[in-house]
C-alpha atoms as a PDB file:
ATOM      1  CA  MET A   1       6.959 -55.464  35.974  1.00  0.00           C
ATOM      2  CA  ASN A   2       7.062 -51.762  34.745  1.00  0.00           C
ATOM      3  CA  VAL A   3       4.600 -50.673  32.184  1.00  0.00           C
ATOM      4  CA  ASN A   4       4.973 -47.514  30.274  1.00  0.00           C
ATOM      5  CA  CYS A   5       2.179 -45.408  28.855  1.00  0.00           C
ATOM      6  CA  VAL A   6       1.768 -45.663  25.126  1.00  0.00           C
ATOM      7  CA  LYS A   7       0.940 -41.813  24.789  1.00  0.00           C
ATOM      8  CA  CYS A   8       3.627 -40.069  27.098  1.00  0.00           C
ATOM      9  CA  GLY A   9       6.071 -42.935  27.777  1.00  0.00           C
ATOM     10  CA  GLU A  10       5.826 -42.371  31.674  1.00  0.00           C
ATOM     11  CA  GLU A  11       5.723 -45.374  33.863  1.00  0.00           C
ATOM     12  CA  ILE A  12       2.107 -46.386  34.826  1.00  0.00           C
ATOM     13  CA  HIS A  13       1.668 -46.551  38.542  1.00  0.00           C
ATOM     14  CA  PRO A  14       1.770 -50.066  39.687  1.00  0.00           C
ATOM     15  CA  LEU A  15      -1.631 -50.002  41.481  1.00  0.00           C
ATOM     16  CA  ARG A  16      -3.362 -48.775  38.251  1.00  0.00           C
ATOM     17  CA  VAL A  17      -1.715 -51.635  36.423  1.00  0.00           C
ATOM     18  CA  LYS A  18      -2.917 -54.043  39.283  1.00  0.00           C
ATOM     19  CA  ALA A  19      -6.514 -52.819  38.990  1.00  0.00           C
ATOM     20  CA  LEU A  20      -6.581 -52.500  35.198  1.00  0.00           C
ATOM     21  CA  PRO A  21      -4.128 -55.240  33.908  1.00  0.00           C
ATOM     22  CA  ASN A  22      -4.811 -54.407  30.270  1.00  0.00           C
ATOM     23  CA  THR A  23      -4.213 -50.570  30.693  1.00  0.00           C
ATOM     24  CA  LYS A  24      -2.029 -48.859  28.132  1.00  0.00           C
ATOM     25  CA  VAL A  25      -2.217 -45.256  29.282  1.00  0.00           C
ATOM     26  CA  CYS A  26      -1.511 -43.423  32.693  1.00  0.00           C
ATOM     27  CA  VAL A  27      -4.236 -41.569  34.463  1.00  0.00           C
ATOM     28  CA  ASN A  28      -3.003 -38.263  32.967  1.00  0.00           C
ATOM     29  CA  CYS A  29      -3.475 -39.581  29.466  1.00  0.00           C
ATOM     30  CA  SER A  30      -6.595 -41.452  30.055  1.00  0.00           C
ATOM     31  CA  THR A  31      -9.728 -40.155  28.112  1.00  0.00           C
ATOM     32  CA  THR A  32     -12.219 -41.651  30.617  1.00  0.00           C
ATOM     33  CA  GLY A  33     -13.793 -38.762  32.562  1.00  0.00           C
ATOM     34  CA  THR A  34     -14.827 -38.598  36.107  1.00  0.00           C
ATOM     35  CA  TYR A  35     -18.321 -39.698  37.162  1.00  0.00           C
ATOM     36  CA  ARG A  36     -20.657 -38.129  39.671  1.00  0.00           C
ATOM     37  CA  ALA A  37     -23.473 -39.877  41.750  1.00  0.00           C
ATOM     38  CA  ILE A  38     -26.766 -38.838  43.136  1.00  0.00           C
ATOM     39  CA  THR A  39     -29.121 -40.784  45.317  1.00  0.00           C
ATOM     40  CA  THR A  40     -32.690 -41.266  44.156  1.00  0.00           C
ATOM     41  CA  VAL A  41     -35.890 -42.670  45.780  1.00  0.00           C
ATOM     42  CA  ASN A  42     -37.776 -45.016  43.524  1.00  0.00           C
ATOM     43  CA  GLY A  43     -41.228 -46.703  43.793  1.00  0.00           C
ATOM     44  CA  GLU A  44     -44.425 -45.767  45.727  1.00  0.00           C
ATOM     45  CA  GLY A  45     -45.981 -46.403  49.022  1.00  0.00           C
ATOM     46  CA  ASP A  46     -44.425 -49.324  50.764  1.00  0.00           C
ATOM     47  CA  HIS A  47     -42.460 -50.369  47.795  1.00  0.00           C
ATOM     48  CA  THR A  48     -39.821 -47.700  47.780  1.00  0.00           C
ATOM     49  CA  TRP A  49     -36.091 -48.055  47.635  1.00  0.00           C
ATOM     50  CA  ASN A  50     -33.065 -45.910  47.449  1.00  0.00           C
ATOM     51  CA  ASP A  51     -30.683 -46.221  44.637  1.00  0.00           C
ATOM     52  CA  ILE A  52     -27.413 -44.465  43.436  1.00  0.00           C
ATOM     53  CA  GLN A  53     -27.382 -43.151  39.856  1.00  0.00           C
ATOM     54  CA  LEU A  54     -23.892 -42.616  38.229  1.00  0.00           C
ATOM     55  CA  MET A  55     -23.506 -40.075  35.581  1.00  0.00           C
ATOM     56  CA  THR A  56     -20.920 -38.317  33.549  1.00  0.00           C
ATOM     57  CA  SER A  57     -19.945 -34.729  34.297  1.00  0.00           C
ATOM     58  CA  GLU A  58     -22.076 -33.348  31.526  1.00  0.00           C
ATOM     59  CA  GLU A  59     -25.145 -35.428  32.703  1.00  0.00           C
ATOM     60  CA  TYR A  60     -24.566 -34.235  36.325  1.00  0.00           C
ATOM     61  CA  GLU A  61     -24.396 -30.497  35.219  1.00  0.00           C
ATOM     62  CA  SER A  62     -27.550 -30.987  33.177  1.00  0.00           C
ATOM     63  CA  TYR A  63     -29.173 -32.525  36.286  1.00  0.00           C
ATOM     64  CA  GLN A  64     -27.988 -29.669  38.430  1.00  0.00           C
ATOM     65  CA  ARG A  65     -29.378 -27.101  35.994  1.00  0.00           C
ATOM     66  CA  SER A  66     -32.752 -29.131  35.863  1.00  0.00           C
ATOM     67  CA  GLU A  67     -33.059 -29.198  39.716  1.00  0.00           C
ATOM     68  CA  SER A  68     -33.063 -25.315  39.991  1.00  0.00           C
ATOM     69  CA  PRO A  69     -35.989 -24.321  42.131  1.00  0.00           C
ATOM     70  CA  LYS A  70     -36.517 -21.492  39.683  1.00  0.00           C
ATOM     71  CA  LYS A  71     -37.580 -23.865  36.993  1.00  0.00           C
ATOM     72  CA  GLY A  72     -40.014 -25.733  39.108  1.00  0.00           C
ATOM     73  CA  LYS A  73     -39.525 -29.122  37.166  1.00  0.00           C
ATOM     74  CA  LYS A  74     -38.947 -32.540  38.553  1.00  0.00           C
ATOM     75  CA  ILE A  75     -36.363 -34.954  37.072  1.00  0.00           C
ATOM     76  CA  LYS A  76     -37.563 -38.343  35.936  1.00  0.00           C
ATOM     77  CA  PHE A  77     -35.148 -41.258  35.146  1.00  0.00           C
ATOM     78  CA  ASN A  78     -36.381 -43.270  32.123  1.00  0.00           C
ATOM     79  CA  SER A  79     -34.946 -46.507  31.192  1.00  0.00           C
ATOM     80  CA  LEU A  80     -33.127 -46.636  27.824  1.00  0.00           C
ATOM     81  CA  ASP A  81     -34.684 -48.699  25.042  1.00  0.00           C
ATOM     82  CA  ILE A  82     -33.328 -52.106  25.736  1.00  0.00           C
ATOM     83  CA  GLU A  83     -34.790 -55.612  25.665  1.00  0.00           C
ATOM     84  CA  ASP A  84     -36.970 -56.532  28.545  1.00  0.00           C
ATOM     85  CA  ASP A  85     -34.743 -59.484  29.377  1.00  0.00           C
ATOM     86  CA  ASP A  86     -31.671 -57.288  29.700  1.00  0.00           C
ATOM     87  CA  ARG A  87     -33.387 -54.618  31.958  1.00  0.00           C
ATOM     88  CA  ASN A  88     -32.507 -54.475  35.527  1.00  0.00           C
ATOM     89  CA  LEU A  89     -33.178 -52.312  38.543  1.00  0.00           C
ATOM     90  CA  GLN A  90     -29.773 -50.574  38.232  1.00  0.00           C
ATOM     91  CA  GLY A  91     -30.223 -48.979  34.897  1.00  0.00           C
ATOM     92  CA  PRO A  92     -29.315 -47.940  32.434  1.00  0.00           C
ATOM     93  CA  PHE A  93     -31.079 -44.573  32.783  1.00  0.00           C
ATOM     94  CA  ILE A  94     -31.462 -41.219  30.989  1.00  0.00           C
ATOM     95  CA  ILE A  95     -32.260 -38.036  32.572  1.00  0.00           C
ATOM     96  CA  LYS A  96     -35.464 -36.391  31.215  1.00  0.00           C
ATOM     97  CA  GLU A  97     -37.265 -33.325  32.429  1.00  0.00           C
ATOM     98  CA  GLU A  98     -41.041 -33.822  33.143  1.00  0.00           C
ATOM     99  CA  GLU A  99     -43.072 -31.454  30.911  1.00  0.00           C
END
């Protein structure tokens, strides 16, 4: 079954339709931006673990600027304000420079 993009009218690639059955736009017309990832080390002592943090391009650029050795600041990931029952080890997180 061919599905056409509602913005440009071009056919949406069949693999995109398979992955996202409800998609209405092609990749070129999509407003969803790319995401970047960084690895983090969390915890202390014997209770440390590695994790991957996904972020938008804007968040990643902010992170890169903050990691500059000239600034000498560390990055801290703080959990967003959500109910304790909804919180998990995966996030959500915001990037914040330590003062």
